[in-house]
Amino acid sequence: MKVFALERAADRAAAIAAAAASTTAQQGASVRFLAGGTTLIDLMKLGVELPERIVDITRLDLGGIEEQADGGVSIGASVTNSDLAHNVLVRQRYAALSEAILAGASTQLRNVASLAGNLLQRTRCVYFRNTATPCNKREPGSGCPAITGANRMMAILGTSDACIASNPSDMAVAMLAYDATVHVEGASKSRSIALNDFFLLPQARPDLENVLEPGDLITHVTMPARPAAERSVYLKLRDRVSYEFALVSTAAAVVLSDGRMASVRFALGGVGTRPWRVPGAEQTLIGQAPTEQNFRRAADLALAGARPQSQNGFKVELAKRCVVETLKRATR
């Protein structure tokens, strides 16, 4: 592991000022925040992340899960995955989020990993994590060997000629279905960013994975109030039952009224270079009966832009079936 300087921020302003010293917007910036460290430390050991300075933010006031006046919820950036998954408010009103978190990692990791760290975790692409191979996420312009190599776990939606790495987060998929907003404090301004606008597609610069700028600190995430009649479900399909990333996953939230769907939102994981949502597919279900035929039509539309590679073509049909089954469970 490369030698680095460690400092503990006394407050948010100090943390932001220290991180703003980074001179590059590349994901592996020279200054990095440390919360749970469950991803960052691993990548530093592998030589994928090479920060010159680590800013410890574990002592900052970034915790807490609070109900808002409008019925929504605010979740601090340093809230652990376990605390979030088992929170009574979250389990009652945002069930798919709790299910998504509990479907990821292990109990030990969930007890340490933070909300913000989960949203910022980087791909598990074997080429990205192996510094002996080229990777456009690590070194823009070096190439993407996954396109012609081992790509079974890779994305089929939102890919580019420069990168096909899939986003690994379960939590972000559920939060996207709930229209979450990420709140950020920076060196010059504070911002509220819809989660749907937070992640970037790879295009020609796969190393740029989100809209954060050097010095930006995620402070909390909010989700709007949910209708009392809404039912939500998270379904994760994977090679083994525990401690495995999704081949395909779906988070769905549906409100039924008089036997028809009054509100539908669903997001996909495991298949996109970012958590994936297609509003047009959701819209086809509004006012319709919750039938398998209608679900399949929406699933076909959601996967219409899929670009499978040599080893992951099976994900197209698997994703469609996952959408259908998740919507069935959400409307029973």
Protein backbone atom coordinates (compact mmCIF):
# COMPACT_ATOMS: atom_id res chain seq x y z
CA MET A 1 0.00 0.00 0.00
CA LYS A 2 1.25 3.48 -0.87
CA VAL A 3 2.20 5.72 2.07
CA PHE A 4 -0.44 8.36 2.79
CA ALA A 5 -1.16 11.11 5.31
CA LEU A 6 -4.11 10.71 7.68
CA GLU A 7 -5.96 13.57 9.33
CA ARG A 8 -9.15 13.72 11.36
CA ALA A 9 -11.52 16.52 10.40
CA ALA A 10 -12.86 18.54 13.33
CA ASP A 11 -15.93 19.69 11.42
CA ARG A 12 -17.52 19.65 7.98
CA ALA A 13 -15.79 22.84 6.85
CA ALA A 14 -12.38 21.40 7.69
CA ALA A 15 -13.16 18.14 5.89
CA ILE A 16 -14.35 19.96 2.78
CA ALA A 17 -11.36 22.30 2.74
CA ALA A 18 -8.95 19.38 3.04
CA ALA A 19 -10.60 17.40 0.26
CA ALA A 20 -10.91 20.43 -2.02
CA ALA A 21 -7.12 20.45 -2.20
CA SER A 22 -7.47 17.64 -4.73
CA THR A 23 -6.55 18.91 -8.17
CA THR A 24 -8.42 16.35 -10.22
CA ALA A 25 -12.05 15.33 -10.64
CA GLN A 26 -10.93 11.76 -11.36
CA GLN A 27 -12.53 9.24 -9.02
CA GLY A 28 -9.18 8.21 -7.54
CA ALA A 29 -8.48 11.73 -6.33
CA SER A 30 -5.41 12.62 -4.27
CA VAL A 31 -7.60 13.26 -1.19
CA ARG A 32 -10.27 10.82 -0.06
CA PHE A 33 -12.82 10.76 2.76
CA LEU A 34 -12.79 7.80 5.14
CA ALA A 35 -16.02 6.63 6.80
CA GLY A 36 -16.55 2.86 7.01
CA GLY A 37 -13.63 2.19 4.68
CA THR A 38 -14.97 -1.18 3.56
CA THR A 39 -14.33 -0.37 -0.11
CA LEU A 40 -11.65 2.32 0.00
CA ILE A 41 -9.17 0.34 2.08
CA ASP A 42 -9.56 -2.72 -0.13
CA LEU A 43 -8.84 -0.68 -3.24
CA MET A 44 -5.85 0.98 -1.61
CA LYS A 45 -4.40 -2.42 -0.77
CA LEU A 46 -4.84 -3.46 -4.40
CA GLY A 47 -3.18 -0.28 -5.66
CA VAL A 48 -6.36 0.80 -7.47
CA GLU A 49 -6.87 3.84 -5.23
CA LEU A 50 -3.69 5.82 -4.53
CA PRO A 51 -4.69 8.82 -2.40
CA GLU A 52 -1.95 10.99 -0.93
CA ARG A 53 -4.12 12.01 2.00
CA ILE A 54 -7.06 10.45 3.84
CA VAL A 55 -9.52 12.66 5.71
CA ASP A 56 -11.23 10.75 8.52
CA ILE A 57 -14.84 11.98 8.83
CA THR A 58 -16.06 9.39 11.33
CA ARG A 59 -16.28 12.00 14.10
CA LEU A 60 -18.45 14.40 12.14
CA ASP A 61 -22.16 14.79 12.82
CA LEU A 62 -23.39 12.94 9.76
CA GLY A 63 -25.55 10.28 11.40
CA GLY A 64 -29.20 9.90 12.27
CA ILE A 65 -32.39 8.75 10.56
CA GLU A 66 -35.18 11.28 10.97
CA GLU A 67 -38.76 11.55 9.80
CA GLN A 68 -39.40 14.86 8.05
CA ALA A 69 -42.38 17.13 8.53
CA ASP A 70 -43.80 16.11 5.15
CA GLY A 71 -43.61 12.40 6.02
CA GLY A 72 -40.39 11.71 4.16
CA VAL A 73 -37.13 10.54 5.70
CA SER A 74 -33.64 12.01 6.03
CA ILE A 75 -30.68 9.63 6.40
CA GLY A 76 -27.25 10.81 7.49
CA ALA A 77 -24.31 9.96 5.25
CA SER A 78 -22.49 8.01 7.97
CA VAL A 79 -25.47 5.86 8.99
CA THR A 80 -24.38 2.24 8.77
CA ASN A 81 -26.08 -0.15 6.40
CA SER A 82 -27.24 -2.28 9.32
CA ASP A 83 -28.79 0.63 11.21
CA LEU A 84 -30.57 1.75 8.05
CA ALA A 85 -31.89 -1.72 7.15
CA HIS A 86 -33.25 -2.37 10.63
CA ASN A 87 -34.71 1.07 11.28
CA VAL A 88 -38.44 0.77 12.04
CA LEU A 89 -39.44 3.72 9.86
CA VAL A 90 -37.48 2.36 6.91
CA ARG A 91 -38.82 -1.17 7.30
CA GLN A 92 -42.42 0.07 7.47
CA ARG A 93 -42.39 2.68 4.70
CA TYR A 94 -39.42 1.79 2.50
CA ALA A 95 -39.42 -2.00 2.70
CA ALA A 96 -37.56 -2.51 -0.58
CA LEU A 97 -34.65 -0.45 0.74
CA SER A 98 -34.34 -2.61 3.85
CA GLU A 99 -34.55 -5.77 1.72
CA ALA A 100 -31.92 -4.46 -0.72
CA ILE A 101 -29.42 -3.68 2.03
CA LEU A 102 -29.89 -7.04 3.74
CA ALA A 103 -29.34 -8.77 0.40
CA GLY A 104 -25.89 -7.23 0.09
CA ALA A 105 -22.47 -7.96 1.62
CA SER A 106 -22.27 -9.67 5.01
CA THR A 107 -23.47 -8.76 8.50
CA GLN A 108 -19.96 -7.72 9.49
CA LEU A 109 -19.60 -5.38 6.51
CA ARG A 110 -23.09 -3.94 6.92
CA ASN A 111 -22.26 -3.09 10.53
CA VAL A 112 -19.44 -0.82 9.35
CA ALA A 113 -20.25 0.34 5.81
CA SER A 114 -21.85 3.78 5.52
CA LEU A 115 -24.70 5.10 3.41
CA ALA A 116 -22.50 7.46 1.40
CA GLY A 117 -19.81 4.82 0.98
CA ASN A 118 -22.38 2.42 -0.45
CA LEU A 119 -23.50 4.97 -3.03
CA LEU A 120 -19.88 5.67 -3.97
CA GLN A 121 -18.62 2.09 -4.06
CA ARG A 122 -16.81 1.20 -7.24
CA THR A 123 -17.32 -1.64 -9.67
CA ARG A 124 -16.24 -5.20 -8.97
CA CYS A 125 -15.02 -5.64 -12.54
CA VAL A 126 -12.01 -7.98 -12.31
CA TYR A 127 -10.02 -5.83 -14.74
CA PHE A 128 -10.63 -2.66 -12.72
CA ARG A 129 -9.37 -4.36 -9.56
CA ASN A 130 -6.31 -5.91 -11.23
CA THR A 131 -3.64 -3.27 -11.84
CA ALA A 132 -1.75 -5.67 -14.11
CA THR A 133 -4.45 -5.20 -16.75
CA PRO A 134 -5.52 -2.05 -18.60
CA CYS A 135 -8.74 -0.35 -17.50
CA ASN A 136 -10.30 2.91 -18.63
CA LYS A 137 -11.72 3.49 -15.15
CA ARG A 138 -8.21 3.51 -13.68
CA GLU A 139 -6.35 4.97 -16.63
CA PRO A 140 -8.55 6.68 -19.24
CA GLY A 141 -7.52 5.65 -22.73
CA SER A 142 -5.80 2.41 -21.69
CA GLY A 143 -8.62 0.18 -22.93
CA CYS A 144 -11.42 -2.09 -21.68
CA PRO A 145 -10.38 -5.76 -21.83
CA ALA A 146 -13.78 -6.81 -20.44
CA ILE A 147 -15.39 -6.12 -23.82
CA THR A 148 -13.56 -9.07 -25.36
CA GLY A 149 -12.75 -10.89 -22.13
CA ALA A 150 -14.54 -12.08 -18.99
CA ASN A 151 -17.81 -10.14 -19.11
CA ARG A 152 -20.44 -12.46 -17.61
CA MET A 153 -21.06 -10.10 -14.67
CA MET A 154 -20.81 -6.92 -16.73
CA ALA A 155 -23.49 -4.42 -17.73
CA ILE A 156 -25.82 -4.62 -20.71
CA LEU A 157 -27.41 -1.18 -20.27
CA GLY A 158 -25.70 2.21 -20.40
CA THR A 159 -22.44 0.80 -21.73
CA SER A 160 -20.00 2.51 -24.07
CA ASP A 161 -17.09 1.49 -26.24
CA ALA A 162 -14.87 2.53 -23.32
CA CYS A 163 -16.50 0.61 -20.45
CA ILE A 164 -19.08 -2.09 -19.68
CA ALA A 165 -18.54 -2.34 -15.90
CA SER A 166 -21.70 -2.79 -13.84
CA ASN A 167 -22.65 -0.75 -10.79
CA PRO A 168 -22.49 -3.00 -7.69
CA SER A 169 -24.87 -1.23 -5.28
CA ASP A 170 -28.09 -2.87 -4.07
CA MET A 171 -28.98 0.11 -1.90
CA ALA A 172 -28.82 2.60 -4.76
CA VAL A 173 -31.26 0.54 -6.84
CA ALA A 174 -33.93 0.70 -4.14
CA MET A 175 -33.26 4.37 -3.42
CA LEU A 176 -33.65 5.16 -7.11
CA ALA A 177 -37.08 3.54 -7.10
CA TYR A 178 -37.97 5.79 -4.15
CA ASP A 179 -36.84 9.00 -5.93
CA ALA A 180 -34.05 9.68 -3.44
CA THR A 181 -32.11 12.94 -3.36
CA VAL A 182 -28.43 13.23 -2.41
CA HIS A 183 -27.46 16.33 -0.43
CA VAL A 184 -23.92 17.63 -0.80
CA GLU A 185 -21.85 20.39 0.79
CA GLY A 186 -18.92 21.70 -1.23
CA ALA A 187 -16.17 24.28 -1.02
CA SER A 188 -18.31 26.96 -2.67
CA LYS A 189 -21.91 25.75 -2.54
CA SER A 190 -24.38 23.17 -1.30
CA ARG A 191 -26.41 21.09 -3.73
CA SER A 192 -29.34 18.70 -3.76
CA ILE A 193 -29.00 16.13 -6.53
CA ALA A 194 -31.70 13.71 -7.60
CA LEU A 195 -30.19 10.23 -7.40
CA ASN A 196 -31.22 9.71 -11.02
CA ASP A 197 -28.84 12.56 -11.92
CA PHE A 198 -26.07 11.58 -9.50
CA PHE A 199 -24.46 8.73 -11.46
CA LEU A 200 -22.76 9.31 -14.81
CA LEU A 201 -22.74 7.01 -17.82
CA PRO A 202 -19.23 5.90 -18.81
CA GLN A 203 -19.12 7.36 -22.32
CA ALA A 204 -15.50 8.30 -23.08
CA ARG A 205 -14.52 8.92 -19.40
CA PRO A 206 -15.45 5.87 -17.32
CA ASP A 207 -13.25 7.16 -14.48
CA LEU A 208 -15.87 9.85 -13.82
CA GLU A 209 -18.66 7.91 -12.11
CA ASN A 210 -20.74 10.65 -10.49
CA VAL A 211 -21.26 14.41 -10.46
CA LEU A 212 -19.29 15.08 -7.27
CA GLU A 213 -16.51 17.66 -7.48
CA PRO A 214 -13.27 17.73 -5.44
CA GLY A 215 -14.17 18.70 -1.89
CA ASP A 216 -17.82 17.67 -2.13
CA LEU A 217 -19.08 15.93 1.00
CA ILE A 218 -22.31 13.93 0.99
CA THR A 219 -24.14 14.97 4.17
CA HIS A 220 -27.41 13.07 3.89
CA VAL A 221 -29.96 11.48 1.59
CA THR A 222 -33.68 12.18 1.62
CA MET A 223 -36.60 10.16 0.28
CA PRO A 224 -40.11 11.57 -0.15
CA ALA A 225 -43.15 10.37 1.78
CA ARG A 226 -44.75 7.20 0.46
CA PRO A 227 -48.48 6.55 -0.02
CA ALA A 228 -49.93 4.43 2.77
CA ALA A 229 -51.21 1.92 0.20
CA GLU A 230 -47.86 1.48 -1.52
CA ARG A 231 -46.20 -1.94 -1.48
CA SER A 232 -42.55 -2.33 -2.37
CA VAL A 233 -40.29 -5.33 -3.00
CA TYR A 234 -36.61 -5.96 -3.80
CA LEU A 235 -35.63 -9.13 -5.65
CA LYS A 236 -31.99 -10.08 -6.20
CA LEU A 237 -30.91 -12.91 -8.51
CA ARG A 238 -27.33 -14.13 -7.98
CA ASP A 239 -25.08 -17.16 -8.27
CA ARG A 240 -25.29 -17.96 -4.57
CA VAL A 241 -27.62 -16.91 -1.77
CA SER A 242 -25.24 -14.85 0.36
CA TYR A 243 -22.31 -12.49 -0.04
CA GLU A 244 -22.63 -12.18 -3.79
CA PHE A 245 -23.30 -9.34 -6.20
CA ALA A 246 -26.40 -9.31 -8.35
CA LEU A 247 -26.58 -10.82 -11.79
CA VAL A 248 -29.90 -8.97 -11.96
CA SER A 249 -32.00 -7.20 -9.34
CA THR A 250 -35.21 -5.18 -9.30
CA ALA A 251 -36.74 -2.79 -6.78
CA ALA A 252 -40.41 -2.03 -7.36
CA ALA A 253 -42.96 0.16 -5.58
CA VAL A 254 -46.63 -0.02 -6.62
CA VAL A 255 -49.92 1.50 -5.50
CA LEU A 256 -53.12 -0.31 -6.49
CA SER A 257 -56.49 1.42 -6.72
CA ASP A 258 -59.69 -0.36 -7.71
CA GLY A 259 -57.72 -3.27 -9.06
CA ARG A 260 -55.46 -1.17 -11.29
CA MET A 261 -52.00 0.31 -10.89
CA ALA A 262 -52.21 3.96 -9.87
CA SER A 263 -48.48 4.40 -9.32
CA VAL A 264 -45.51 2.29 -10.44
CA ARG A 265 -41.78 2.75 -10.09
CA PHE A 266 -39.11 0.14 -10.63
CA ALA A 267 -35.35 0.16 -10.97
CA LEU A 268 -32.84 -2.45 -12.09
CA GLY A 269 -29.46 -3.46 -10.69
CA GLY A 270 -26.71 -5.74 -11.95
CA VAL A 271 -27.44 -4.88 -15.57
CA GLY A 272 -26.49 -1.21 -15.83
CA THR A 273 -23.33 0.85 -15.62
CA ARG A 274 -25.41 2.79 -13.09
CA PRO A 275 -28.62 1.92 -11.22
CA TRP A 276 -31.16 1.77 -14.05
CA ARG A 277 -34.66 3.15 -14.37
CA VAL A 278 -36.86 3.65 -17.44
CA PRO A 279 -39.79 6.00 -16.66
CA GLY A 280 -41.40 5.21 -20.01
CA ALA A 281 -41.68 1.55 -19.05
CA GLU A 282 -43.26 2.49 -15.73
CA GLN A 283 -45.75 4.77 -17.45
CA THR A 284 -47.11 1.94 -19.60
CA LEU A 285 -48.41 0.30 -16.41
CA ILE A 286 -50.35 3.25 -15.03
CA GLY A 287 -54.09 2.55 -15.11
CA GLN A 288 -53.51 -1.05 -16.15
CA ALA A 289 -54.44 -4.27 -14.37
CA PRO A 290 -51.54 -6.04 -12.61
CA THR A 291 -51.23 -8.89 -15.09
CA GLU A 292 -48.18 -10.83 -16.21
CA GLN A 293 -48.78 -9.70 -19.78
CA ASN A 294 -48.66 -6.03 -18.78
CA PHE A 295 -45.59 -6.60 -16.63
CA ARG A 296 -43.83 -8.36 -19.49
CA ARG A 297 -44.59 -5.49 -21.85
CA ALA A 298 -43.02 -3.03 -19.42
CA ALA A 299 -40.02 -5.32 -18.93
CA ASP A 300 -39.47 -5.57 -22.68
CA LEU A 301 -39.44 -1.78 -22.91
CA ALA A 302 -37.07 -1.43 -19.96
CA LEU A 303 -34.55 -3.76 -21.65
CA ALA A 304 -35.03 -2.42 -25.17
CA GLY A 305 -31.64 -0.70 -25.18
CA ALA A 306 -29.65 -3.69 -23.93
CA ARG A 307 -26.26 -4.35 -25.52
CA PRO A 308 -25.16 -7.79 -24.30
CA GLN A 309 -21.59 -8.98 -24.64
CA SER A 310 -20.22 -12.42 -25.50
CA GLN A 311 -20.91 -13.99 -22.08
CA ASN A 312 -23.83 -12.06 -20.58
CA GLY A 313 -26.60 -12.26 -23.17
CA PHE A 314 -28.58 -14.33 -20.68
CA LYS A 315 -29.05 -11.19 -18.59
CA VAL A 316 -31.56 -9.76 -21.04
CA GLU A 317 -34.16 -12.45 -20.48
CA LEU A 318 -33.21 -12.88 -16.83
CA ALA A 319 -33.75 -9.18 -16.19
CA LYS A 320 -37.15 -9.26 -17.85
CA ARG A 321 -38.21 -12.19 -15.72
CA CYS A 322 -36.90 -10.46 -12.63
CA VAL A 323 -38.98 -7.36 -13.38
CA VAL A 324 -42.09 -9.45 -13.95
CA GLU A 325 -41.65 -11.46 -10.75
CA THR A 326 -40.91 -8.38 -8.64
CA LEU A 327 -44.00 -6.60 -9.92
CA LYS A 328 -46.07 -9.72 -9.24
CA ARG A 329 -44.88 -9.77 -5.63
CA ALA A 330 -45.54 -6.05 -5.23
CA THR A 331 -49.13 -6.41 -6.42
CA ARG A 332 -50.24 -9.55 -4.58
